[in-house]
Amino acid sequence: MNAQPDHPDRPERFGSFGAHDPYDPYGPHSRYGSGGAAGGGGGPGRPPGPGKGDPAGEPGPRIPPPRSSVEDTGRSLPRLGTGRPGPPPPPAAPPVLAHRVLKSLLGAWALAACSAEEAAAVEDHLGGCGPCADEARRLREAVGLLHPAESLDLDPALRTRVLESCLERRPPRIPVPEWAAPYDAEAARLDALLQDIGEADWHAPVRLRWFADDAPAVRRTTVAGVIAHLLSVDGLVAVALGLEDPLGAARPGEANPTGRTEAYWKASDQPPTRSLRGPWREQSHDLVRTVSFAGGGRGGMAVPYGAFTLPLRDAMLDRAFECWVHADDIAEAVDYPYQPPAPRHLHRMIDLAARLLPVALAERRRAGRADAAAPRHLVAAGSPGRSLRLEIEGSGGGEWLIPLDSPAALATADREVAHVALDGVEFCRLAAGHVAPEDAAAGQDGDRAAIKDVLFAAASLSRM
């Protein structure tokens, strides 16, 4: 008969192996068995004690106690083959290469095409070889020319193209009128500029320039002061639309751009700060939203500017022009690249200035600043009179016939006495008072006195 198994709870089928069952983890040859050196009973080098086979003692533990790992002690791992931790391995020394090999690797090193070992060897060699160091510098400069730095500034027409593409797929439920689109775009561009500049840039000095009484005028302020100026003058349009006046109780009795700006600056106890960006941004959004809800039918609503009045469609173009001009002032002060408006928006701004020139010429004559030598031929309203051809070159340009003798006269090509050609941006800088009439790069032909009056009239359109 087979002997009874040592473990009564074990199935009978293991009985044939007896105490030498090789699959028994607690057998006599196991470290956990009664006969092994690690078992509960006596073994080589261990004192005898009660164990599994000792009828007088309790059975020994069948599960070994947990062992601590060196990873749990916070100490470094031992080196292989030893029980002691070793120091970190030293960095590999660069390979020793011949001078001609190192010189042949300079081109690959300049292009960052060497392996780590080759790059280390080349750089170690350049520290002691002057000719190779000069050659490496020349190669690096040549590589830089192969990869010219690209401007990170977005194309100013990108926003317009993206919007047009989106609107072709899904027209807006409430579209922005065409005459308000330039202001919407220029306000967004200026807001992006303000987002990019730092805290200190808001206090950078800015010169507001314009042309008054045939002489240049300058007012010094800061970037934040320029935003305060735009906020207060945009308030003229806001008040006409029934929106809240940003000046509040500081609103002056005389509603003109200069008076409102001075009142806004004086109403604050502290110099303007970047906190003005929020109110200006919110007001610009309110203006665009309001004229969009009102539709294109309200474009003829009058917006008073103090000494003169503009229809709403022209007032929004005027605000777009001022937004671009003063954004360019800010960009110049903080050394920020800034581009002209999109061509179709620039064309609308130029068209507004050209339509205002006849009135500006009449104002110069009333003020006695017109050229006394210039002949004047009074004609009835609507009748053909002398005219000047204004040719604006470049993107956004075109041609306009300007009546010279009366705003109500009809300008015709048959009565053309002079021709002036200017670049579009140059003409806008002239109309903004940033270029003196004598310095405007204009091509001139015909009546010199008429040309001078038109150029000075264009400069007189500017204001603070």
Protein backbone atom coordinates (compact mmCIF):
# COMPACT_ATOMS: atom_id res chain seq x y z
CA MET A 1 0.00 0.00 0.00
CA ASN A 2 1.09 3.56 -0.58
CA ALA A 3 2.00 5.60 2.45
CA GLN A 4 -0.41 8.30 3.53
CA PRO A 5 0.52 11.79 2.29
CA ASP A 6 2.08 14.21 4.70
CA HIS A 7 -0.66 16.71 4.03
CA PRO A 8 -4.08 15.25 4.68
CA ASP A 9 -5.73 18.07 2.74
CA ARG A 10 -3.84 17.17 -0.43
CA PRO A 11 -5.62 14.98 -3.05
CA GLU A 12 -4.80 11.31 -3.04
CA ARG A 13 -3.43 11.41 -6.57
CA PHE A 14 -0.21 12.98 -5.29
CA GLY A 15 0.34 10.10 -2.90
CA SER A 16 2.56 8.17 -5.30
CA PHE A 17 5.25 10.84 -5.04
CA GLY A 18 5.24 10.69 -1.28
CA ALA A 19 7.60 13.04 0.52
CA HIS A 20 9.60 13.58 -2.69
CA ASP A 21 6.82 15.09 -4.77
CA PRO A 22 8.70 17.45 -7.16
CA TYR A 23 5.57 19.57 -7.63
CA ASP A 24 5.18 20.08 -3.89
CA PRO A 25 6.50 23.54 -2.96
CA TYR A 26 6.69 22.36 0.60
CA GLY A 27 8.46 19.09 -0.11
CA PRO A 28 11.75 18.02 1.45
CA HIS A 29 13.79 19.58 -1.37
CA SER A 30 12.04 22.91 -1.20
CA ARG A 31 13.34 25.87 0.73
CA TYR A 32 9.96 25.92 2.45
CA GLY A 33 9.91 22.18 3.28
CA SER A 34 10.70 20.48 6.57
CA GLY A 35 13.92 18.97 5.41
CA GLY A 36 15.43 21.96 3.54
CA ALA A 37 17.89 24.38 4.93
CA ALA A 38 15.25 27.08 4.86
CA GLY A 39 12.55 24.93 6.45
CA GLY A 40 11.26 24.96 10.00
CA GLY A 41 13.28 21.84 11.07
CA GLY A 42 16.98 21.49 11.61
CA GLY A 43 19.37 21.58 8.73
CA PRO A 44 23.01 22.12 8.00
CA GLY A 45 24.26 25.08 9.98
CA ARG A 46 20.93 25.53 11.82
CA PRO A 47 19.94 24.42 15.32
CA PRO A 48 17.22 21.82 15.50
CA GLY A 49 13.78 23.06 16.38
CA PRO A 50 10.18 22.16 16.16
CA GLY A 51 9.04 21.82 12.63
CA LYS A 52 6.67 20.06 10.39
CA GLY A 53 7.98 16.62 11.35
CA ASP A 54 8.32 17.35 15.07
CA PRO A 55 5.31 15.86 16.87
CA ALA A 56 6.09 17.93 19.97
CA GLY A 57 6.11 21.32 18.22
CA GLU A 58 3.71 23.43 16.23
CA PRO A 59 3.90 23.38 12.44
CA GLY A 60 6.33 25.98 10.99
CA PRO A 61 5.19 28.86 8.79
CA ARG A 62 4.34 27.78 5.25
CA ILE A 63 4.63 31.35 3.74
CA PRO A 64 7.98 33.13 4.02
CA PRO A 65 8.08 36.67 5.51
CA PRO A 66 8.33 39.59 3.04
CA ARG A 67 11.81 40.68 2.08
CA SER A 68 12.91 44.32 1.86
CA SER A 69 14.19 45.55 -1.52
CA VAL A 70 17.20 47.77 -2.00
CA GLU A 71 14.95 49.98 -4.15
CA ASP A 72 12.84 50.71 -1.03
CA THR A 73 15.80 51.87 1.02
CA GLY A 74 16.68 54.97 -1.06
CA ARG A 75 20.21 53.71 -1.65
CA SER A 76 21.78 53.34 -5.10
CA LEU A 77 21.58 49.99 -6.80
CA PRO A 78 24.65 47.79 -6.46
CA ARG A 79 26.92 47.12 -9.38
CA LEU A 80 26.45 43.82 -11.10
CA GLY A 81 28.53 41.11 -9.54
CA THR A 82 29.00 43.01 -6.28
CA GLY A 83 26.86 43.98 -3.36
CA ARG A 84 28.07 47.58 -3.26
CA PRO A 85 26.74 50.64 -5.13
CA GLY A 86 29.16 52.20 -7.58
CA PRO A 87 29.78 55.77 -8.75
CA PRO A 88 27.98 57.05 -11.89
CA PRO A 89 29.74 56.15 -15.12
CA PRO A 90 32.05 58.91 -16.41
CA PRO A 91 31.06 60.68 -19.65
CA ALA A 92 32.44 59.08 -22.73
CA ALA A 93 35.46 60.87 -24.12
CA PRO A 94 35.11 62.11 -27.70
CA PRO A 95 36.77 59.82 -30.22
CA VAL A 96 40.26 60.73 -31.36
CA LEU A 97 40.12 61.50 -35.09
CA ALA A 98 42.73 62.75 -37.50
CA HIS A 99 42.77 66.44 -38.44
CA ARG A 100 41.78 65.77 -42.04
CA VAL A 101 38.79 63.71 -40.86
CA LEU A 102 37.66 66.41 -38.48
CA LYS A 103 38.02 69.04 -41.21
CA SER A 104 35.89 66.94 -43.56
CA LEU A 105 33.17 66.77 -40.89
CA LEU A 106 32.81 70.56 -40.58
CA GLY A 107 30.13 70.78 -43.26
CA ALA A 108 28.06 68.00 -41.69
CA TRP A 109 28.54 69.60 -38.25
CA ALA A 110 27.29 72.98 -39.54
CA LEU A 111 24.16 71.24 -40.87
CA ALA A 112 23.71 69.35 -37.55
CA ALA A 113 24.08 66.08 -39.45
CA CYS A 114 26.90 64.56 -37.34
CA SER A 115 26.40 61.81 -34.79
CA ALA A 116 26.75 62.72 -31.14
CA GLU A 117 30.27 61.28 -30.99
CA GLU A 118 31.38 63.07 -34.16
CA ALA A 119 29.86 66.38 -33.01
CA ALA A 120 31.70 66.08 -29.67
CA ALA A 121 34.98 65.38 -31.45
CA VAL A 122 34.52 68.34 -33.82
CA GLU A 123 33.60 70.76 -31.04
CA ASP A 124 36.56 69.60 -28.95
CA HIS A 125 38.83 70.18 -31.95
CA LEU A 126 37.43 73.66 -32.70
CA GLY A 127 38.55 74.86 -29.28
CA GLY A 128 42.18 74.49 -30.25
CA CYS A 129 42.30 74.88 -34.04
CA GLY A 130 41.85 78.46 -35.27
CA PRO A 131 41.58 77.76 -39.03
CA CYS A 132 38.92 75.10 -38.48
CA ALA A 133 37.04 77.39 -36.08
CA ASP A 134 36.95 80.15 -38.74
CA GLU A 135 35.79 77.69 -41.37
CA ALA A 136 33.07 76.37 -39.04
CA ARG A 137 31.82 79.91 -38.39
CA ARG A 138 31.61 80.63 -42.13
CA LEU A 139 29.74 77.39 -42.73
CA ARG A 140 27.27 78.14 -39.96
CA GLU A 141 26.60 81.60 -41.45
CA ALA A 142 26.04 80.01 -44.86
CA VAL A 143 23.58 77.54 -43.36
CA GLY A 144 21.71 80.47 -41.82
CA LEU A 145 21.31 82.01 -45.28
CA LEU A 146 19.78 78.76 -46.50
CA HIS A 147 17.05 79.04 -43.88
CA PRO A 148 15.96 82.71 -43.74
CA ALA A 149 13.87 83.63 -40.73
CA GLU A 150 10.18 83.89 -41.57
CA SER A 151 8.06 86.65 -40.14
CA LEU A 152 5.61 85.50 -37.47
CA ASP A 153 3.27 88.39 -38.23
CA LEU A 154 0.08 87.40 -39.95
CA ASP A 155 -0.92 88.78 -43.32
CA PRO A 156 -3.28 91.70 -42.62
CA ALA A 157 -5.64 90.33 -45.27
CA LEU A 158 -5.78 86.88 -43.62
CA ARG A 159 -8.71 87.75 -41.37
CA THR A 160 -10.70 89.11 -44.31
CA ARG A 161 -10.00 86.03 -46.44
CA VAL A 162 -10.97 83.64 -43.65
CA LEU A 163 -14.21 85.53 -42.98
CA GLU A 164 -15.08 85.64 -46.67
CA SER A 165 -14.46 81.91 -47.00
CA CYS A 166 -16.65 81.18 -43.97
CA LEU A 167 -19.43 83.50 -45.09
CA GLU A 168 -19.50 81.92 -48.55
CA ARG A 169 -20.40 78.64 -46.89
CA ARG A 170 -22.80 80.04 -44.30
CA PRO A 171 -24.00 83.65 -44.58
CA PRO A 172 -24.31 85.47 -41.24
CA ARG A 173 -27.78 85.91 -39.83
CA ILE A 174 -26.95 89.57 -39.11
CA PRO A 175 -24.25 90.71 -41.59
CA VAL A 176 -21.95 93.66 -40.91
CA PRO A 177 -22.61 96.49 -43.40
CA GLU A 178 -19.89 96.99 -45.99
CA TRP A 179 -19.16 100.50 -44.74
CA ALA A 180 -18.64 99.19 -41.18
CA ALA A 181 -16.36 96.28 -42.18
CA PRO A 182 -13.15 98.43 -42.28
CA TYR A 183 -13.70 99.59 -38.70
CA ASP A 184 -14.42 96.04 -37.57
CA ALA A 185 -11.18 94.82 -39.18
CA GLU A 186 -8.97 97.68 -37.94
CA ALA A 187 -10.29 97.44 -34.38
CA ALA A 188 -9.53 93.70 -34.40
CA ARG A 189 -5.98 94.32 -35.68
CA LEU A 190 -5.32 96.94 -33.03
CA ASP A 191 -6.69 94.65 -30.34
CA ALA A 192 -4.29 91.92 -31.47
CA LEU A 193 -1.40 94.39 -31.22
CA LEU A 194 -2.44 95.39 -27.70
CA GLN A 195 -2.62 91.75 -26.69
CA ASP A 196 0.97 91.18 -27.80
CA ILE A 197 2.66 94.08 -26.02
CA GLY A 198 3.93 93.88 -22.45
CA GLU A 199 2.95 95.79 -19.33
CA ALA A 200 5.78 98.31 -19.66
CA ASP A 201 4.90 99.03 -23.31
CA TRP A 202 1.62 100.63 -22.25
CA HIS A 203 3.64 103.53 -20.84
CA ALA A 204 5.89 103.92 -23.90
CA PRO A 205 5.87 107.53 -25.21
CA VAL A 206 3.83 108.18 -28.35
CA ARG A 207 3.68 111.34 -30.47
CA LEU A 208 0.26 112.24 -31.85
CA ARG A 209 0.91 114.24 -35.02
CA TRP A 210 -1.45 116.26 -37.18
CA PHE A 211 -1.50 119.41 -39.34
CA ALA A 212 -3.20 122.56 -38.08
CA ASP A 213 -3.20 126.04 -39.67
CA ASP A 214 -0.72 124.90 -42.32
CA ALA A 215 1.81 123.85 -39.65
CA PRO A 216 2.61 120.55 -38.00
CA ALA A 217 1.26 119.98 -34.48
CA VAL A 218 2.40 117.39 -31.93
CA ARG A 219 0.95 116.11 -28.65
CA ARG A 220 2.91 113.71 -26.49
CA THR A 221 1.16 110.90 -24.64
CA THR A 222 1.57 107.15 -24.01
CA VAL A 223 0.22 103.99 -25.60
CA ALA A 224 -2.54 103.93 -22.98
CA GLY A 225 -3.22 107.61 -23.69
CA VAL A 226 -3.76 106.80 -27.38
CA ILE A 227 -6.35 104.16 -26.46
CA ALA A 228 -8.06 106.74 -24.22
CA HIS A 229 -8.13 109.11 -27.22
CA LEU A 230 -9.70 106.47 -29.48
CA LEU A 231 -12.21 105.51 -26.78
CA SER A 232 -13.36 109.10 -26.26
CA VAL A 233 -13.67 109.97 -29.98
CA ASP A 234 -15.37 106.68 -30.84
CA GLY A 235 -17.85 107.80 -28.19
CA LEU A 236 -19.17 110.36 -30.69
CA VAL A 237 -20.53 107.51 -32.80
CA ALA A 238 -21.68 105.63 -29.70
CA VAL A 239 -23.74 108.60 -28.48
CA ALA A 240 -25.30 109.05 -31.94
CA LEU A 241 -26.35 105.37 -31.86
CA GLY A 242 -27.87 105.73 -28.39
CA LEU A 243 -25.11 103.83 -26.58
CA GLU A 244 -23.46 104.84 -23.33
CA ASP A 245 -20.99 107.73 -23.49
CA PRO A 246 -17.56 106.54 -22.20
CA LEU A 247 -16.91 110.03 -20.77
CA GLY A 248 -19.90 109.88 -18.44
CA ALA A 249 -20.06 112.96 -16.23
CA ALA A 250 -16.81 114.27 -17.76
CA ARG A 251 -18.54 114.88 -21.09
CA PRO A 252 -17.63 118.39 -22.29
CA GLY A 253 -20.16 120.88 -23.58
CA GLU A 254 -18.42 121.07 -26.97
CA ALA A 255 -18.66 117.75 -28.78
CA ASN A 256 -15.49 117.66 -30.86
CA PRO A 257 -12.66 115.08 -30.90
CA THR A 258 -10.01 117.32 -29.28
CA GLY A 259 -12.29 118.57 -26.51
CA ARG A 260 -13.51 115.07 -25.64
CA THR A 261 -9.97 113.68 -25.52
CA GLU A 262 -8.71 116.46 -23.26
CA ALA A 263 -11.74 116.03 -20.97
CA TYR A 264 -11.15 112.27 -20.71
CA TRP A 265 -7.46 112.72 -19.91
CA LYS A 266 -8.18 115.34 -17.24
CA ALA A 267 -11.01 113.38 -15.59
CA SER A 268 -8.63 110.64 -14.39
CA ASP A 269 -6.49 111.15 -11.29
CA GLN A 270 -3.93 108.64 -12.56
CA PRO A 271 -2.26 108.33 -15.99
CA PRO A 272 -4.04 105.93 -18.36
CA THR A 273 -3.07 102.26 -18.01
CA ARG A 274 -3.70 99.00 -19.83
CA SER A 275 -7.06 98.74 -18.03
CA LEU A 276 -8.46 100.92 -20.86
CA ARG A 277 -8.17 98.05 -23.31
CA GLY A 278 -11.30 96.40 -21.90
CA PRO A 279 -13.65 99.42 -22.21
CA TRP A 280 -12.30 100.34 -25.65
CA ARG A 281 -12.66 96.76 -26.90
CA GLU A 282 -16.18 96.43 -25.52
CA GLN A 283 -17.23 99.75 -27.08
CA SER A 284 -15.86 98.76 -30.50
CA HIS A 285 -17.84 95.52 -30.34
CA ASP A 286 -20.97 97.43 -29.33
CA LEU A 287 -20.58 99.81 -32.28
CA VAL A 288 -20.24 97.01 -34.83
CA ARG A 289 -23.06 95.01 -33.25
CA THR A 290 -25.41 98.00 -33.16
CA VAL A 291 -24.88 99.09 -36.77
CA SER A 292 -25.25 95.45 -37.85
CA PHE A 293 -28.60 95.08 -36.09
CA ALA A 294 -29.70 98.45 -37.46
CA GLY A 295 -28.90 97.34 -41.00
CA GLY A 296 -27.54 99.35 -43.87
CA GLY A 297 -30.54 101.67 -43.88
CA ARG A 298 -29.17 103.78 -41.02
CA GLY A 299 -25.96 104.66 -42.84
CA GLY A 300 -27.20 108.16 -43.49
CA MET A 301 -27.81 109.02 -39.83
CA ALA A 302 -25.92 112.18 -38.82
CA VAL A 303 -22.98 111.93 -36.41
CA PRO A 304 -21.93 115.39 -35.09
CA TYR A 305 -18.20 116.07 -34.80
CA GLY A 306 -18.56 119.58 -33.43
CA ALA A 307 -17.66 121.89 -36.31
CA PHE A 308 -18.94 119.43 -38.93
CA THR A 309 -21.23 116.43 -39.30
CA LEU A 310 -20.69 113.13 -41.05
CA PRO A 311 -23.22 110.48 -42.04
CA LEU A 312 -22.88 107.27 -40.05
CA ARG A 313 -21.36 105.33 -42.97
CA ASP A 314 -18.61 107.96 -43.33
CA ALA A 315 -18.16 108.28 -39.57
CA MET A 316 -17.42 104.55 -39.34
CA LEU A 317 -14.85 104.89 -42.15
CA ASP A 318 -13.34 107.87 -40.32
CA ARG A 319 -13.03 105.80 -37.15
CA ALA A 320 -11.44 102.94 -39.12
CA PHE A 321 -8.88 105.36 -40.57
CA GLU A 322 -8.06 106.81 -37.13
CA CYS A 323 -7.81 103.32 -35.64
CA TRP A 324 -5.24 102.31 -38.27
CA VAL A 325 -3.26 105.57 -38.04
CA HIS A 326 -2.99 105.47 -34.24
CA ALA A 327 -2.29 101.72 -34.24
CA ASP A 328 0.64 102.53 -36.52
CA ASP A 329 1.73 105.23 -34.02
CA ILE A 330 1.65 102.64 -31.23
CA ALA A 331 3.51 100.07 -33.33
CA GLU A 332 6.23 102.60 -34.08
CA ALA A 333 6.58 103.43 -30.38
CA VAL A 334 6.96 99.79 -29.27
CA ASP A 335 8.89 98.62 -32.37
CA TYR A 336 6.08 96.35 -33.58
CA PRO A 337 5.67 95.53 -37.31
CA TYR A 338 2.34 96.77 -38.63
CA GLN A 339 0.88 96.59 -42.11
CA PRO A 340 -1.61 98.82 -43.98
CA PRO A 341 -5.26 97.77 -44.15
CA ALA A 342 -6.65 95.33 -46.68
CA PRO A 343 -6.80 96.91 -50.19
CA ARG A 344 -10.59 97.13 -50.38
CA HIS A 345 -10.75 98.76 -46.94
CA LEU A 346 -7.91 101.11 -47.82
CA HIS A 347 -9.78 102.11 -50.99
CA ARG A 348 -12.84 103.12 -48.95
CA MET A 349 -10.71 105.26 -46.64
CA ILE A 350 -9.01 106.99 -49.58
CA ASP A 351 -12.39 107.57 -51.21
CA LEU A 352 -13.66 109.28 -48.04
CA ALA A 353 -10.65 111.63 -47.97
CA ALA A 354 -11.08 112.42 -51.66
CA ARG A 355 -14.76 113.26 -51.13
CA LEU A 356 -13.86 115.57 -48.25
CA LEU A 357 -11.23 117.50 -50.22
CA PRO A 358 -13.65 119.98 -51.92
CA VAL A 359 -15.00 121.08 -48.52
CA ALA A 360 -11.45 121.35 -47.15
CA LEU A 361 -10.49 123.56 -50.11
CA ALA A 362 -13.46 125.84 -49.43
CA GLU A 363 -12.48 126.08 -45.74
CA ARG A 364 -8.94 127.10 -46.71
CA ARG A 365 -10.29 129.87 -48.94
CA ARG A 366 -12.60 131.14 -46.18
CA ALA A 367 -9.67 131.15 -43.72
CA GLY A 368 -7.50 133.10 -46.19
CA ARG A 369 -4.91 130.33 -46.48
CA ALA A 370 -5.46 129.52 -50.17
CA ASP A 371 -2.84 130.56 -52.69
CA ALA A 372 -3.70 134.14 -53.66
CA ALA A 373 -2.18 133.67 -57.09
CA ALA A 374 -4.50 130.76 -57.88
CA PRO A 375 -7.29 131.86 -60.26
CA ARG A 376 -10.82 131.07 -59.18
CA HIS A 377 -13.77 130.65 -61.49
CA LEU A 378 -17.11 130.61 -59.72
CA VAL A 379 -19.73 128.44 -61.37
CA ALA A 380 -23.29 127.55 -60.48
CA ALA A 381 -23.95 124.44 -58.43
CA GLY A 382 -23.91 121.37 -60.63
CA SER A 383 -22.14 123.15 -63.49
CA PRO A 384 -18.77 121.97 -64.81
CA GLY A 385 -15.78 123.69 -63.23
CA ARG A 386 -12.02 123.39 -63.01
CA SER A 387 -10.88 120.07 -61.64
CA LEU A 388 -7.74 118.25 -60.52
CA ARG A 389 -7.16 114.59 -61.26
CA LEU A 390 -6.04 112.75 -58.12
CA GLU A 391 -4.39 109.46 -59.03
CA ILE A 392 -3.70 107.07 -56.17
CA GLU A 393 -1.33 104.26 -57.04
CA GLY A 394 -0.85 100.89 -55.43
CA SER A 395 -3.33 98.58 -53.73
CA GLY A 396 -6.58 100.31 -52.85
CA GLY A 397 -5.93 103.10 -55.31
CA GLY A 398 -7.94 104.66 -58.11
CA GLU A 399 -8.65 108.04 -59.71
CA TRP A 400 -10.80 110.92 -58.46
CA LEU A 401 -11.66 114.28 -60.06
CA ILE A 402 -11.60 117.02 -57.42
CA PRO A 403 -13.57 120.26 -58.07
CA LEU A 404 -11.30 123.21 -57.33
CA ASP A 405 -13.56 126.29 -57.31
CA SER A 406 -16.65 125.14 -55.39
CA PRO A 407 -17.75 121.96 -53.55
CA ALA A 408 -21.00 122.05 -55.52
CA ALA A 409 -19.29 122.31 -58.92
CA LEU A 410 -19.18 119.33 -61.24
CA ALA A 411 -15.66 118.02 -61.80
CA THR A 412 -15.14 116.90 -65.37
CA ALA A 413 -12.17 115.70 -67.37
CA ASP A 414 -12.80 118.45 -69.90
CA ARG A 415 -11.95 121.12 -67.32
CA GLU A 416 -8.94 119.30 -65.82
CA VAL A 417 -6.10 121.75 -65.07
CA ALA A 418 -3.77 119.63 -62.91
CA HIS A 419 -2.79 116.04 -62.21
CA VAL A 420 -1.33 114.65 -58.97
CA ALA A 421 -0.17 111.04 -58.45
CA LEU A 422 0.62 109.58 -55.01
CA ASP A 423 1.03 106.16 -53.46
CA GLY A 424 -2.01 105.04 -51.46
CA VAL A 425 -0.24 104.78 -48.11
CA GLU A 426 1.61 108.04 -48.76
CA PHE A 427 -1.68 109.84 -49.43
CA CYS A 428 -3.15 108.45 -46.20
CA ARG A 429 -0.09 109.61 -44.25
CA LEU A 430 -0.57 113.05 -45.79
CA ALA A 431 -4.26 113.07 -44.81
CA ALA A 432 -3.28 111.96 -41.29
CA GLY A 433 -0.81 114.84 -40.88
CA HIS A 434 2.17 112.49 -40.68
CA VAL A 435 3.74 113.92 -43.86
CA ALA A 436 4.08 117.63 -44.64
CA PRO A 437 2.56 118.70 -47.98
CA GLU A 438 5.95 119.95 -49.16
CA ASP A 439 7.49 116.54 -48.43
CA ALA A 440 4.81 114.36 -50.02
CA ALA A 441 6.27 112.20 -52.76
CA ALA A 442 3.82 113.27 -55.44
CA GLY A 443 4.03 113.34 -59.17
CA GLN A 444 2.73 116.74 -60.32
CA ASP A 445 1.63 118.14 -63.63
CA GLY A 446 -0.33 121.25 -64.50
CA ASP A 447 -1.43 124.21 -62.36
CA ARG A 448 1.11 124.41 -59.49
CA ALA A 449 -1.06 126.68 -57.36
CA ALA A 450 -4.01 124.27 -57.60
CA ILE A 451 -1.76 121.32 -56.75
CA LYS A 452 -0.39 123.13 -53.69
CA ASP A 453 -3.90 123.96 -52.45
CA VAL A 454 -5.04 120.34 -52.83
CA LEU A 455 -2.01 118.93 -50.98
CA PHE A 456 -2.44 121.40 -48.11
CA ALA A 457 -6.19 120.72 -48.05
CA ALA A 458 -5.44 116.98 -47.73
CA ALA A 459 -3.13 117.67 -44.77
CA SER A 460 -5.79 119.86 -43.14
CA LEU A 461 -8.10 116.82 -42.92
CA SER A 462 -5.95 115.57 -40.04
CA ARG A 463 -6.67 116.24 -36.37
CA MET A 464 -5.55 114.96 -33.03
